[in-house]
PDB file of N, CA and C in Angstrom:
ATOM      1  N   MET A   1     108.593 -50.560 -14.214  1.00  0.00           N
ATOM      2  CA  MET A   1     109.150 -51.730 -13.564  1.00  0.00           C
ATOM      3  C   MET A   1     109.053 -52.923 -14.527  1.00  0.00           C
ATOM      4  N   PRO A   2     110.034 -53.625 -14.770  1.00  0.00           N
ATOM      5  CA  PRO A   2     109.982 -54.731 -15.576  1.00  0.00           C
ATOM      6  C   PRO A   2     109.282 -55.965 -14.844  1.00  0.00           C
ATOM      7  N   ILE A   3     108.599 -56.781 -15.670  1.00  0.00           N
ATOM      8  CA  ILE A   3     107.917 -58.038 -15.065  1.00  0.00           C
ATOM      9  C   ILE A   3     109.066 -59.015 -14.905  1.00  0.00           C
ATOM     10  N   LYS A   4     108.985 -59.669 -13.744  1.00  0.00           N
ATOM     11  CA  LYS A   4     109.994 -60.776 -13.384  1.00  0.00           C
ATOM     12  C   LYS A   4     109.261 -62.098 -13.359  1.00  0.00           C
ATOM     13  N   ILE A   5     109.985 -63.075 -13.646  1.00  0.00           N
ATOM     14  CA  ILE A   5     109.549 -64.622 -13.669  1.00  0.00           C
ATOM     15  C   ILE A   5     110.167 -65.202 -12.530  1.00  0.00           C
ATOM     16  N   ASP A   6     109.463 -65.866 -11.573  1.00  0.00           N
ATOM     17  CA  ASP A   6     110.045 -66.729 -10.583  1.00  0.00           C
ATOM     18  C   ASP A   6     110.001 -68.160 -11.228  1.00  0.00           C
ATOM     19  N   TYR A   7     111.178 -68.566 -11.625  1.00  0.00           N
ATOM     20  CA  TYR A   7     111.165 -69.779 -12.333  1.00  0.00           C
ATOM     21  C   TYR A   7     110.936 -71.052 -11.368  1.00  0.00           C
ATOM     22  N   LYS A   8     111.050 -70.862 -10.063  1.00  0.00           N
ATOM     23  CA  LYS A   8     110.751 -71.876  -9.076  1.00  0.00           C
ATOM     24  C   LYS A   8     109.174 -72.057  -9.062  1.00  0.00           C
ATOM     25  N   LYS A   9     108.483 -71.080  -9.263  1.00  0.00           N
ATOM     26  CA  LYS A   9     106.959 -71.236  -9.192  1.00  0.00           C
ATOM     27  C   LYS A   9     106.352 -71.484 -10.649  1.00  0.00           C
ATOM     28  N   CYS A  10     107.086 -71.102 -11.647  1.00  0.00           N
ATOM     29  CA  CYS A  10     106.573 -71.243 -13.103  1.00  0.00           C
ATOM     30  C   CYS A  10     106.311 -72.658 -13.381  1.00  0.00           C
ATOM     31  N   CYS A  11     105.179 -73.046 -13.928  1.00  0.00           N
ATOM     32  CA  CYS A  11     104.963 -74.397 -14.313  1.00  0.00           C
ATOM     33  C   CYS A  11     105.562 -74.904 -15.573  1.00  0.00           C
ATOM     34  N   TRP A  12     106.123 -73.986 -16.378  1.00  0.00           N
ATOM     35  CA  TRP A  12     106.753 -74.292 -17.734  1.00  0.00           C
ATOM     36  C   TRP A  12     108.169 -74.627 -17.411  1.00  0.00           C
ATOM     37  N   LYS A  13     108.533 -75.841 -17.575  1.00  0.00           N
ATOM     38  CA  LYS A  13     109.874 -76.287 -17.265  1.00  0.00           C
ATOM     39  C   LYS A  13     110.328 -77.286 -18.359  1.00  0.00           C
ATOM     40  N   ASP A  14     111.466 -77.207 -18.892  1.00  0.00           N
ATOM     41  CA  ASP A  14     112.074 -78.082 -19.865  1.00  0.00           C
ATOM     42  C   ASP A  14     111.199 -78.239 -21.061  1.00  0.00           C
ATOM     43  N   GLY A  15     110.502 -77.143 -21.495  1.00  0.00           N
ATOM     44  CA  GLY A  15     109.722 -77.072 -22.687  1.00  0.00           C
ATOM     45  C   GLY A  15     108.359 -77.720 -22.503  1.00  0.00           C
ATOM     46  N   LYS A  16     107.904 -77.878 -21.335  1.00  0.00           N
ATOM     47  CA  LYS A  16     106.548 -78.521 -21.159  1.00  0.00           C
ATOM     48  C   LYS A  16     105.967 -77.980 -19.850  1.00  0.00           C
ATOM     49  N   CYS A  17     104.703 -78.134 -19.697  1.00  0.00           N
ATOM     50  CA  CYS A  17     103.922 -77.747 -18.463  1.00  0.00           C
ATOM     51  C   CYS A  17     104.104 -78.867 -17.378  1.00  0.00           C
ATOM     52  N   SER A  18     104.694 -78.426 -16.357  1.00  0.00           N
ATOM     53  CA  SER A  18     104.764 -79.547 -15.304  1.00  0.00           C
ATOM     54  C   SER A  18     103.633 -79.653 -14.413  1.00  0.00           C
ATOM     55  N   SER A  19     102.528 -78.842 -14.640  1.00  0.00           N
ATOM     56  CA  SER A  19     101.332 -78.925 -13.684  1.00  0.00           C
ATOM     57  C   SER A  19     100.120 -79.559 -14.201  1.00  0.00           C
ATOM     58  N   CYS A  20     100.244 -79.914 -15.630  1.00  0.00           N
ATOM     59  CA  CYS A  20      98.984 -80.628 -16.204  1.00  0.00           C
ATOM     60  C   CYS A  20      99.382 -82.076 -16.634  1.00  0.00           C
ATOM     61  N   CYS A  21      98.341 -82.842 -16.902  1.00  0.00           N
ATOM     62  CA  CYS A  21      98.688 -84.303 -17.180  1.00  0.00           C
ATOM     63  C   CYS A  21      99.437 -84.520 -18.465  1.00  0.00           C
ATOM     64  N   CYS A  22      99.058 -83.768 -19.477  1.00  0.00           N
ATOM     65  CA  CYS A  22      99.613 -84.028 -20.806  1.00  0.00           C
ATOM     66  C   CYS A  22     100.954 -83.313 -21.153  1.00  0.00           C
ATOM     67  N   GLY A  23     101.312 -82.273 -20.324  1.00  0.00           N
ATOM     68  CA  GLY A  23     102.618 -81.652 -20.453  1.00  0.00           C
ATOM     69  C   GLY A  23     102.581 -80.604 -21.572  1.00  0.00           C
ATOM     70  N   LYS A  24     101.542 -80.287 -22.251  1.00  0.00           N
ATOM     71  CA  LYS A  24     101.584 -79.156 -23.235  1.00  0.00           C
ATOM     72  C   LYS A  24     100.386 -78.364 -23.286  1.00  0.00           C
ATOM     73  N   ALA A  25      99.455 -78.500 -22.380  1.00  0.00           N
ATOM     74  CA  ALA A  25      98.201 -77.825 -22.354  1.00  0.00           C
ATOM     75  C   ALA A  25      98.167 -76.528 -21.551  1.00  0.00           C
ATOM     76  N   CYS A  26      99.329 -76.058 -21.177  1.00  0.00           N
ATOM     77  CA  CYS A  26      99.433 -74.830 -20.272  1.00  0.00           C
ATOM     78  C   CYS A  26      98.905 -73.618 -20.994  1.00  0.00           C
ATOM     79  N   THR A  27      97.979 -72.945 -20.451  1.00  0.00           N
ATOM     80  CA  THR A  27      97.447 -71.813 -20.799  1.00  0.00           C
ATOM     81  C   THR A  27      97.523 -70.695 -19.726  1.00  0.00           C
ATOM     82  N   GLY A  28      97.965 -69.474 -20.041  1.00  0.00           N
ATOM     83  CA  GLY A  28      98.215 -68.492 -18.961  1.00  0.00           C
ATOM     84  C   GLY A  28      98.918 -67.298 -19.628  1.00  0.00           C
ATOM     85  N   CYS A  29     100.058 -66.981 -18.987  1.00  0.00           N
ATOM     86  CA  CYS A  29     100.792 -65.794 -19.426  1.00  0.00           C
ATOM     87  C   CYS A  29     100.997 -65.536 -20.819  1.00  0.00           C
ATOM     88  N   VAL A  30     101.470 -66.489 -21.542  1.00  0.00           N
ATOM     89  CA  VAL A  30     101.595 -66.435 -23.028  1.00  0.00           C
ATOM     90  C   VAL A  30     100.441 -65.935 -23.717  1.00  0.00           C
ATOM     91  N   GLU A  31      99.354 -66.577 -23.409  1.00  0.00           N
ATOM     92  CA  GLU A  31      98.106 -66.371 -24.096  1.00  0.00           C
ATOM     93  C   GLU A  31      97.467 -65.108 -23.650  1.00  0.00           C
ATOM     94  N   ALA A  32      97.709 -64.602 -22.394  1.00  0.00           N
ATOM     95  CA  ALA A  32      97.177 -63.298 -21.906  1.00  0.00           C
ATOM     96  C   ALA A  32      97.949 -62.104 -22.522  1.00  0.00           C
ATOM     97  N   CYS A  33      99.095 -62.289 -23.126  1.00  0.00           N
ATOM     98  CA  CYS A  33      99.889 -61.167 -23.556  1.00  0.00           C
ATOM     99  C   CYS A  33      99.358 -60.775 -25.011  1.00  0.00           C
ATOM    100  N   ALA A  34      98.780 -59.703 -24.905  1.00  0.00           N
ATOM    101  CA  ALA A  34      98.170 -59.190 -26.380  1.00  0.00           C
ATOM    102  C   ALA A  34      99.140 -58.664 -27.358  1.00  0.00           C
ATOM    103  N   ILE A  35     100.412 -58.491 -26.946  1.00  0.00           N
ATOM    104  CA  ILE A  35     101.437 -58.014 -27.922  1.00  0.00           C
ATOM    105  C   ILE A  35     102.559 -59.061 -28.181  1.00  0.00           C
ATOM    106  N   GLY A  36     102.351 -60.204 -27.626  1.00  0.00           N
ATOM    107  CA  GLY A  36     103.313 -61.259 -28.058  1.00  0.00           C
ATOM    108  C   GLY A  36     104.685 -61.076 -27.408  1.00  0.00           C
ATOM    109  N   ALA A  37     104.805 -60.593 -26.178  1.00  0.00           N
ATOM    110  CA  ALA A  37     106.107 -60.277 -25.693  1.00  0.00           C
ATOM    111  C   ALA A  37     106.540 -61.530 -24.872  1.00  0.00           C
ATOM    112  N   ILE A  38     105.632 -62.473 -24.690  1.00  0.00           N
ATOM    113  CA  ILE A  38     106.130 -63.658 -23.856  1.00  0.00           C
ATOM    114  C   ILE A  38     106.058 -64.881 -24.700  1.00  0.00           C
ATOM    115  N   THR A  39     107.194 -65.656 -24.604  1.00  0.00           N
ATOM    116  CA  THR A  39     107.240 -66.977 -25.454  1.00  0.00           C
ATOM    117  C   THR A  39     107.675 -68.153 -24.554  1.00  0.00           C
ATOM    118  N   ARG A  40     107.299 -69.184 -24.987  1.00  0.00           N
ATOM    119  CA  ARG A  40     107.717 -70.543 -24.286  1.00  0.00           C
ATOM    120  C   ARG A  40     108.676 -71.229 -25.228  1.00  0.00           C
ATOM    121  N   GLY A  41     109.833 -71.604 -24.650  1.00  0.00           N
ATOM    122  CA  GLY A  41     110.748 -72.477 -25.288  1.00  0.00           C
ATOM    123  C   GLY A  41     111.117 -73.613 -24.234  1.00  0.00           C
ATOM    124  N   ASP A  42     112.235 -73.688 -23.775  1.00  0.00           N
ATOM    125  CA  ASP A  42     112.659 -74.448 -22.592  1.00  0.00           C
ATOM    126  C   ASP A  42     112.124 -73.834 -21.385  1.00  0.00           C
ATOM    127  N   VAL A  43     112.154 -72.553 -21.408  1.00  0.00           N
ATOM    128  CA  VAL A  43     111.430 -71.759 -20.253  1.00  0.00           C
ATOM    129  C   VAL A  43     110.648 -70.595 -20.818  1.00  0.00           C
ATOM    130  N   VAL A  44     109.802 -69.943 -20.071  1.00  0.00           N
ATOM    131  CA  VAL A  44     109.066 -68.894 -20.413  1.00  0.00           C
ATOM    132  C   VAL A  44     110.084 -67.625 -20.430  1.00  0.00           C
ATOM    133  N   LYS A  45     109.930 -66.791 -21.518  1.00  0.00           N
ATOM    134  CA  LYS A  45     110.849 -65.751 -21.608  1.00  0.00           C
ATOM    135  C   LYS A  45     109.928 -64.423 -22.016  1.00  0.00           C
ATOM    136  N   ILE A  46     110.324 -63.345 -21.346  1.00  0.00           N
ATOM    137  CA  ILE A  46     109.689 -61.953 -21.643  1.00  0.00           C
ATOM    138  C   ILE A  46     110.553 -61.172 -22.469  1.00  0.00           C
ATOM    139  N   ASP A  47     110.069 -60.703 -23.577  1.00  0.00           N
ATOM    140  CA  ASP A  47     110.929 -59.701 -24.455  1.00  0.00           C
ATOM    141  C   ASP A  47     110.657 -58.324 -23.861  1.00  0.00           C
ATOM    142  N   LYS A  48     111.660 -57.904 -23.001  1.00  0.00           N
ATOM    143  CA  LYS A  48     111.543 -56.683 -22.326  1.00  0.00           C
ATOM    144  C   LYS A  48     111.425 -55.434 -23.343  1.00  0.00           C
ATOM    145  N   ASP A  49     111.813 -55.579 -24.549  1.00  0.00           N
ATOM    146  CA  ASP A  49     111.714 -54.451 -25.480  1.00  0.00           C
ATOM    147  C   ASP A  49     110.253 -54.360 -26.027  1.00  0.00           C
ATOM    148  N   LYS A  50     109.542 -55.493 -25.988  1.00  0.00           N
ATOM    149  CA  LYS A  50     108.199 -55.504 -26.474  1.00  0.00           C
ATOM    150  C   LYS A  50     107.121 -55.223 -25.336  1.00  0.00           C
ATOM    151  N   CYS A  51     107.529 -55.704 -24.049  1.00  0.00           N
ATOM    152  CA  CYS A  51     106.568 -55.792 -22.948  1.00  0.00           C
ATOM    153  C   CYS A  51     106.134 -54.264 -22.612  1.00  0.00           C
ATOM    154  N   ILE A  52     104.921 -54.108 -22.413  1.00  0.00           N
ATOM    155  CA  ILE A  52     104.382 -52.689 -21.975  1.00  0.00           C
ATOM    156  C   ILE A  52     104.021 -52.672 -20.574  1.00  0.00           C
ATOM    157  N   GLU A  53     104.326 -53.747 -19.811  1.00  0.00           N
ATOM    158  CA  GLU A  53     104.027 -53.852 -18.397  1.00  0.00           C
ATOM    159  C   GLU A  53     102.687 -53.619 -18.045  1.00  0.00           C
ATOM    160  N   CYS A  54     101.693 -54.140 -18.857  1.00  0.00           N
ATOM    161  CA  CYS A  54     100.221 -54.038 -18.563  1.00  0.00           C
ATOM    162  C   CYS A  54      99.684 -54.909 -17.387  1.00  0.00           C
ATOM    163  N   GLY A  55     100.431 -55.963 -17.012  1.00  0.00           N
ATOM    164  CA  GLY A  55     100.052 -56.905 -16.029  1.00  0.00           C
ATOM    165  C   GLY A  55      99.097 -57.934 -16.354  1.00  0.00           C
ATOM    166  N   ALA A  56      98.777 -58.071 -17.527  1.00  0.00           N
ATOM    167  CA  ALA A  56      97.811 -59.138 -17.903  1.00  0.00           C
ATOM    168  C   ALA A  56      98.263 -60.542 -17.658  1.00  0.00           C
ATOM    169  N   CYS A  57      99.681 -60.741 -17.861  1.00  0.00           N
ATOM    170  CA  CYS A  57     100.316 -62.049 -17.702  1.00  0.00           C
ATOM    171  C   CYS A  57     100.322 -62.367 -16.163  1.00  0.00           C
ATOM    172  N   ILE A  58     100.494 -61.344 -15.249  1.00  0.00           N
ATOM    173  CA  ILE A  58     100.601 -61.512 -13.906  1.00  0.00           C
ATOM    174  C   ILE A  58      99.141 -62.019 -13.402  1.00  0.00           C
ATOM    175  N   ILE A  59      98.107 -61.438 -13.878  1.00  0.00           N
ATOM    176  CA  ILE A  59      96.765 -61.829 -13.500  1.00  0.00           C
ATOM    177  C   ILE A  59      96.446 -63.206 -14.027  1.00  0.00           C
ATOM    178  N   ALA A  60      96.976 -63.611 -15.228  1.00  0.00           N
ATOM    179  CA  ALA A  60      96.687 -64.890 -15.829  1.00  0.00           C
ATOM    180  C   ALA A  60      97.531 -66.094 -15.286  1.00  0.00           C
ATOM    181  N   CYS A  61      98.561 -65.758 -14.595  1.00  0.00           N
ATOM    182  CA  CYS A  61      99.354 -66.865 -14.064  1.00  0.00           C
ATOM    183  C   CYS A  61      98.767 -67.437 -12.864  1.00  0.00           C
ATOM    184  N   LYS A  62      98.366 -68.758 -12.988  1.00  0.00           N
ATOM    185  CA  LYS A  62      97.790 -69.557 -11.852  1.00  0.00           C
ATOM    186  C   LYS A  62      98.701 -69.945 -10.707  1.00  0.00           C
ATOM    187  N   HIS A  63     100.075 -69.679 -10.862  1.00  0.00           N
ATOM    188  CA  HIS A  63     100.986 -70.166 -10.026  1.00  0.00           C
ATOM    189  C   HIS A  63     101.789 -68.946  -9.366  1.00  0.00           C
ATOM    190  N   ASN A  64     101.227 -67.713  -9.674  1.00  0.00           N
ATOM    191  CA  ASN A  64     101.910 -66.488  -8.971  1.00  0.00           C
ATOM    192  C   ASN A  64     103.456 -66.476  -9.344  1.00  0.00           C
ATOM    193  N   ALA A  65     103.765 -66.852 -10.397  1.00  0.00           N
ATOM    194  CA  ALA A  65     105.201 -66.949 -10.906  1.00  0.00           C
ATOM    195  C   ALA A  65     105.666 -65.434 -11.415  1.00  0.00           C
ATOM    196  N   LEU A  66     104.736 -64.584 -11.788  1.00  0.00           N
ATOM    197  CA  LEU A  66     105.191 -63.313 -12.406  1.00  0.00           C
ATOM    198  C   LEU A  66     104.781 -62.258 -11.471  1.00  0.00           C
ATOM    199  N   SER A  67     105.594 -61.172 -11.409  1.00  0.00           N
ATOM    200  CA  SER A  67     105.444 -60.052 -10.562  1.00  0.00           C
ATOM    201  C   SER A  67     106.110 -58.847 -11.213  1.00  0.00           C
ATOM    202  N   LEU A  68     105.617 -57.688 -10.736  1.00  0.00           N
ATOM    203  CA  LEU A  68     106.350 -56.319 -11.119  1.00  0.00           C
ATOM    204  C   LEU A  68     107.508 -56.222 -10.179  1.00  0.00           C
ATOM    205  N   SER A  69     108.704 -55.948 -10.594  1.00  0.00           N
ATOM    206  CA  SER A  69     109.780 -55.721  -9.683  1.00  0.00           C
ATOM    207  C   SER A  69     109.949 -54.349  -9.277  1.00  0.00           C
TER     208      SER A  69
END
């Protein structure tokens, strides 16, 4: 099952963290991914070819924006 991102819940919007005061201190899914399958640009993206669906990003997300579909 691929991991899905609920962009309405995700704190990373328009290239910055919308839940912290400075806008760039977000830590969570990207840092939890041991294989580098998740990146931040304008939005968070998961490389489905790299993702091994371990669930570490789901556990790390403070906003419950990630889930297994």
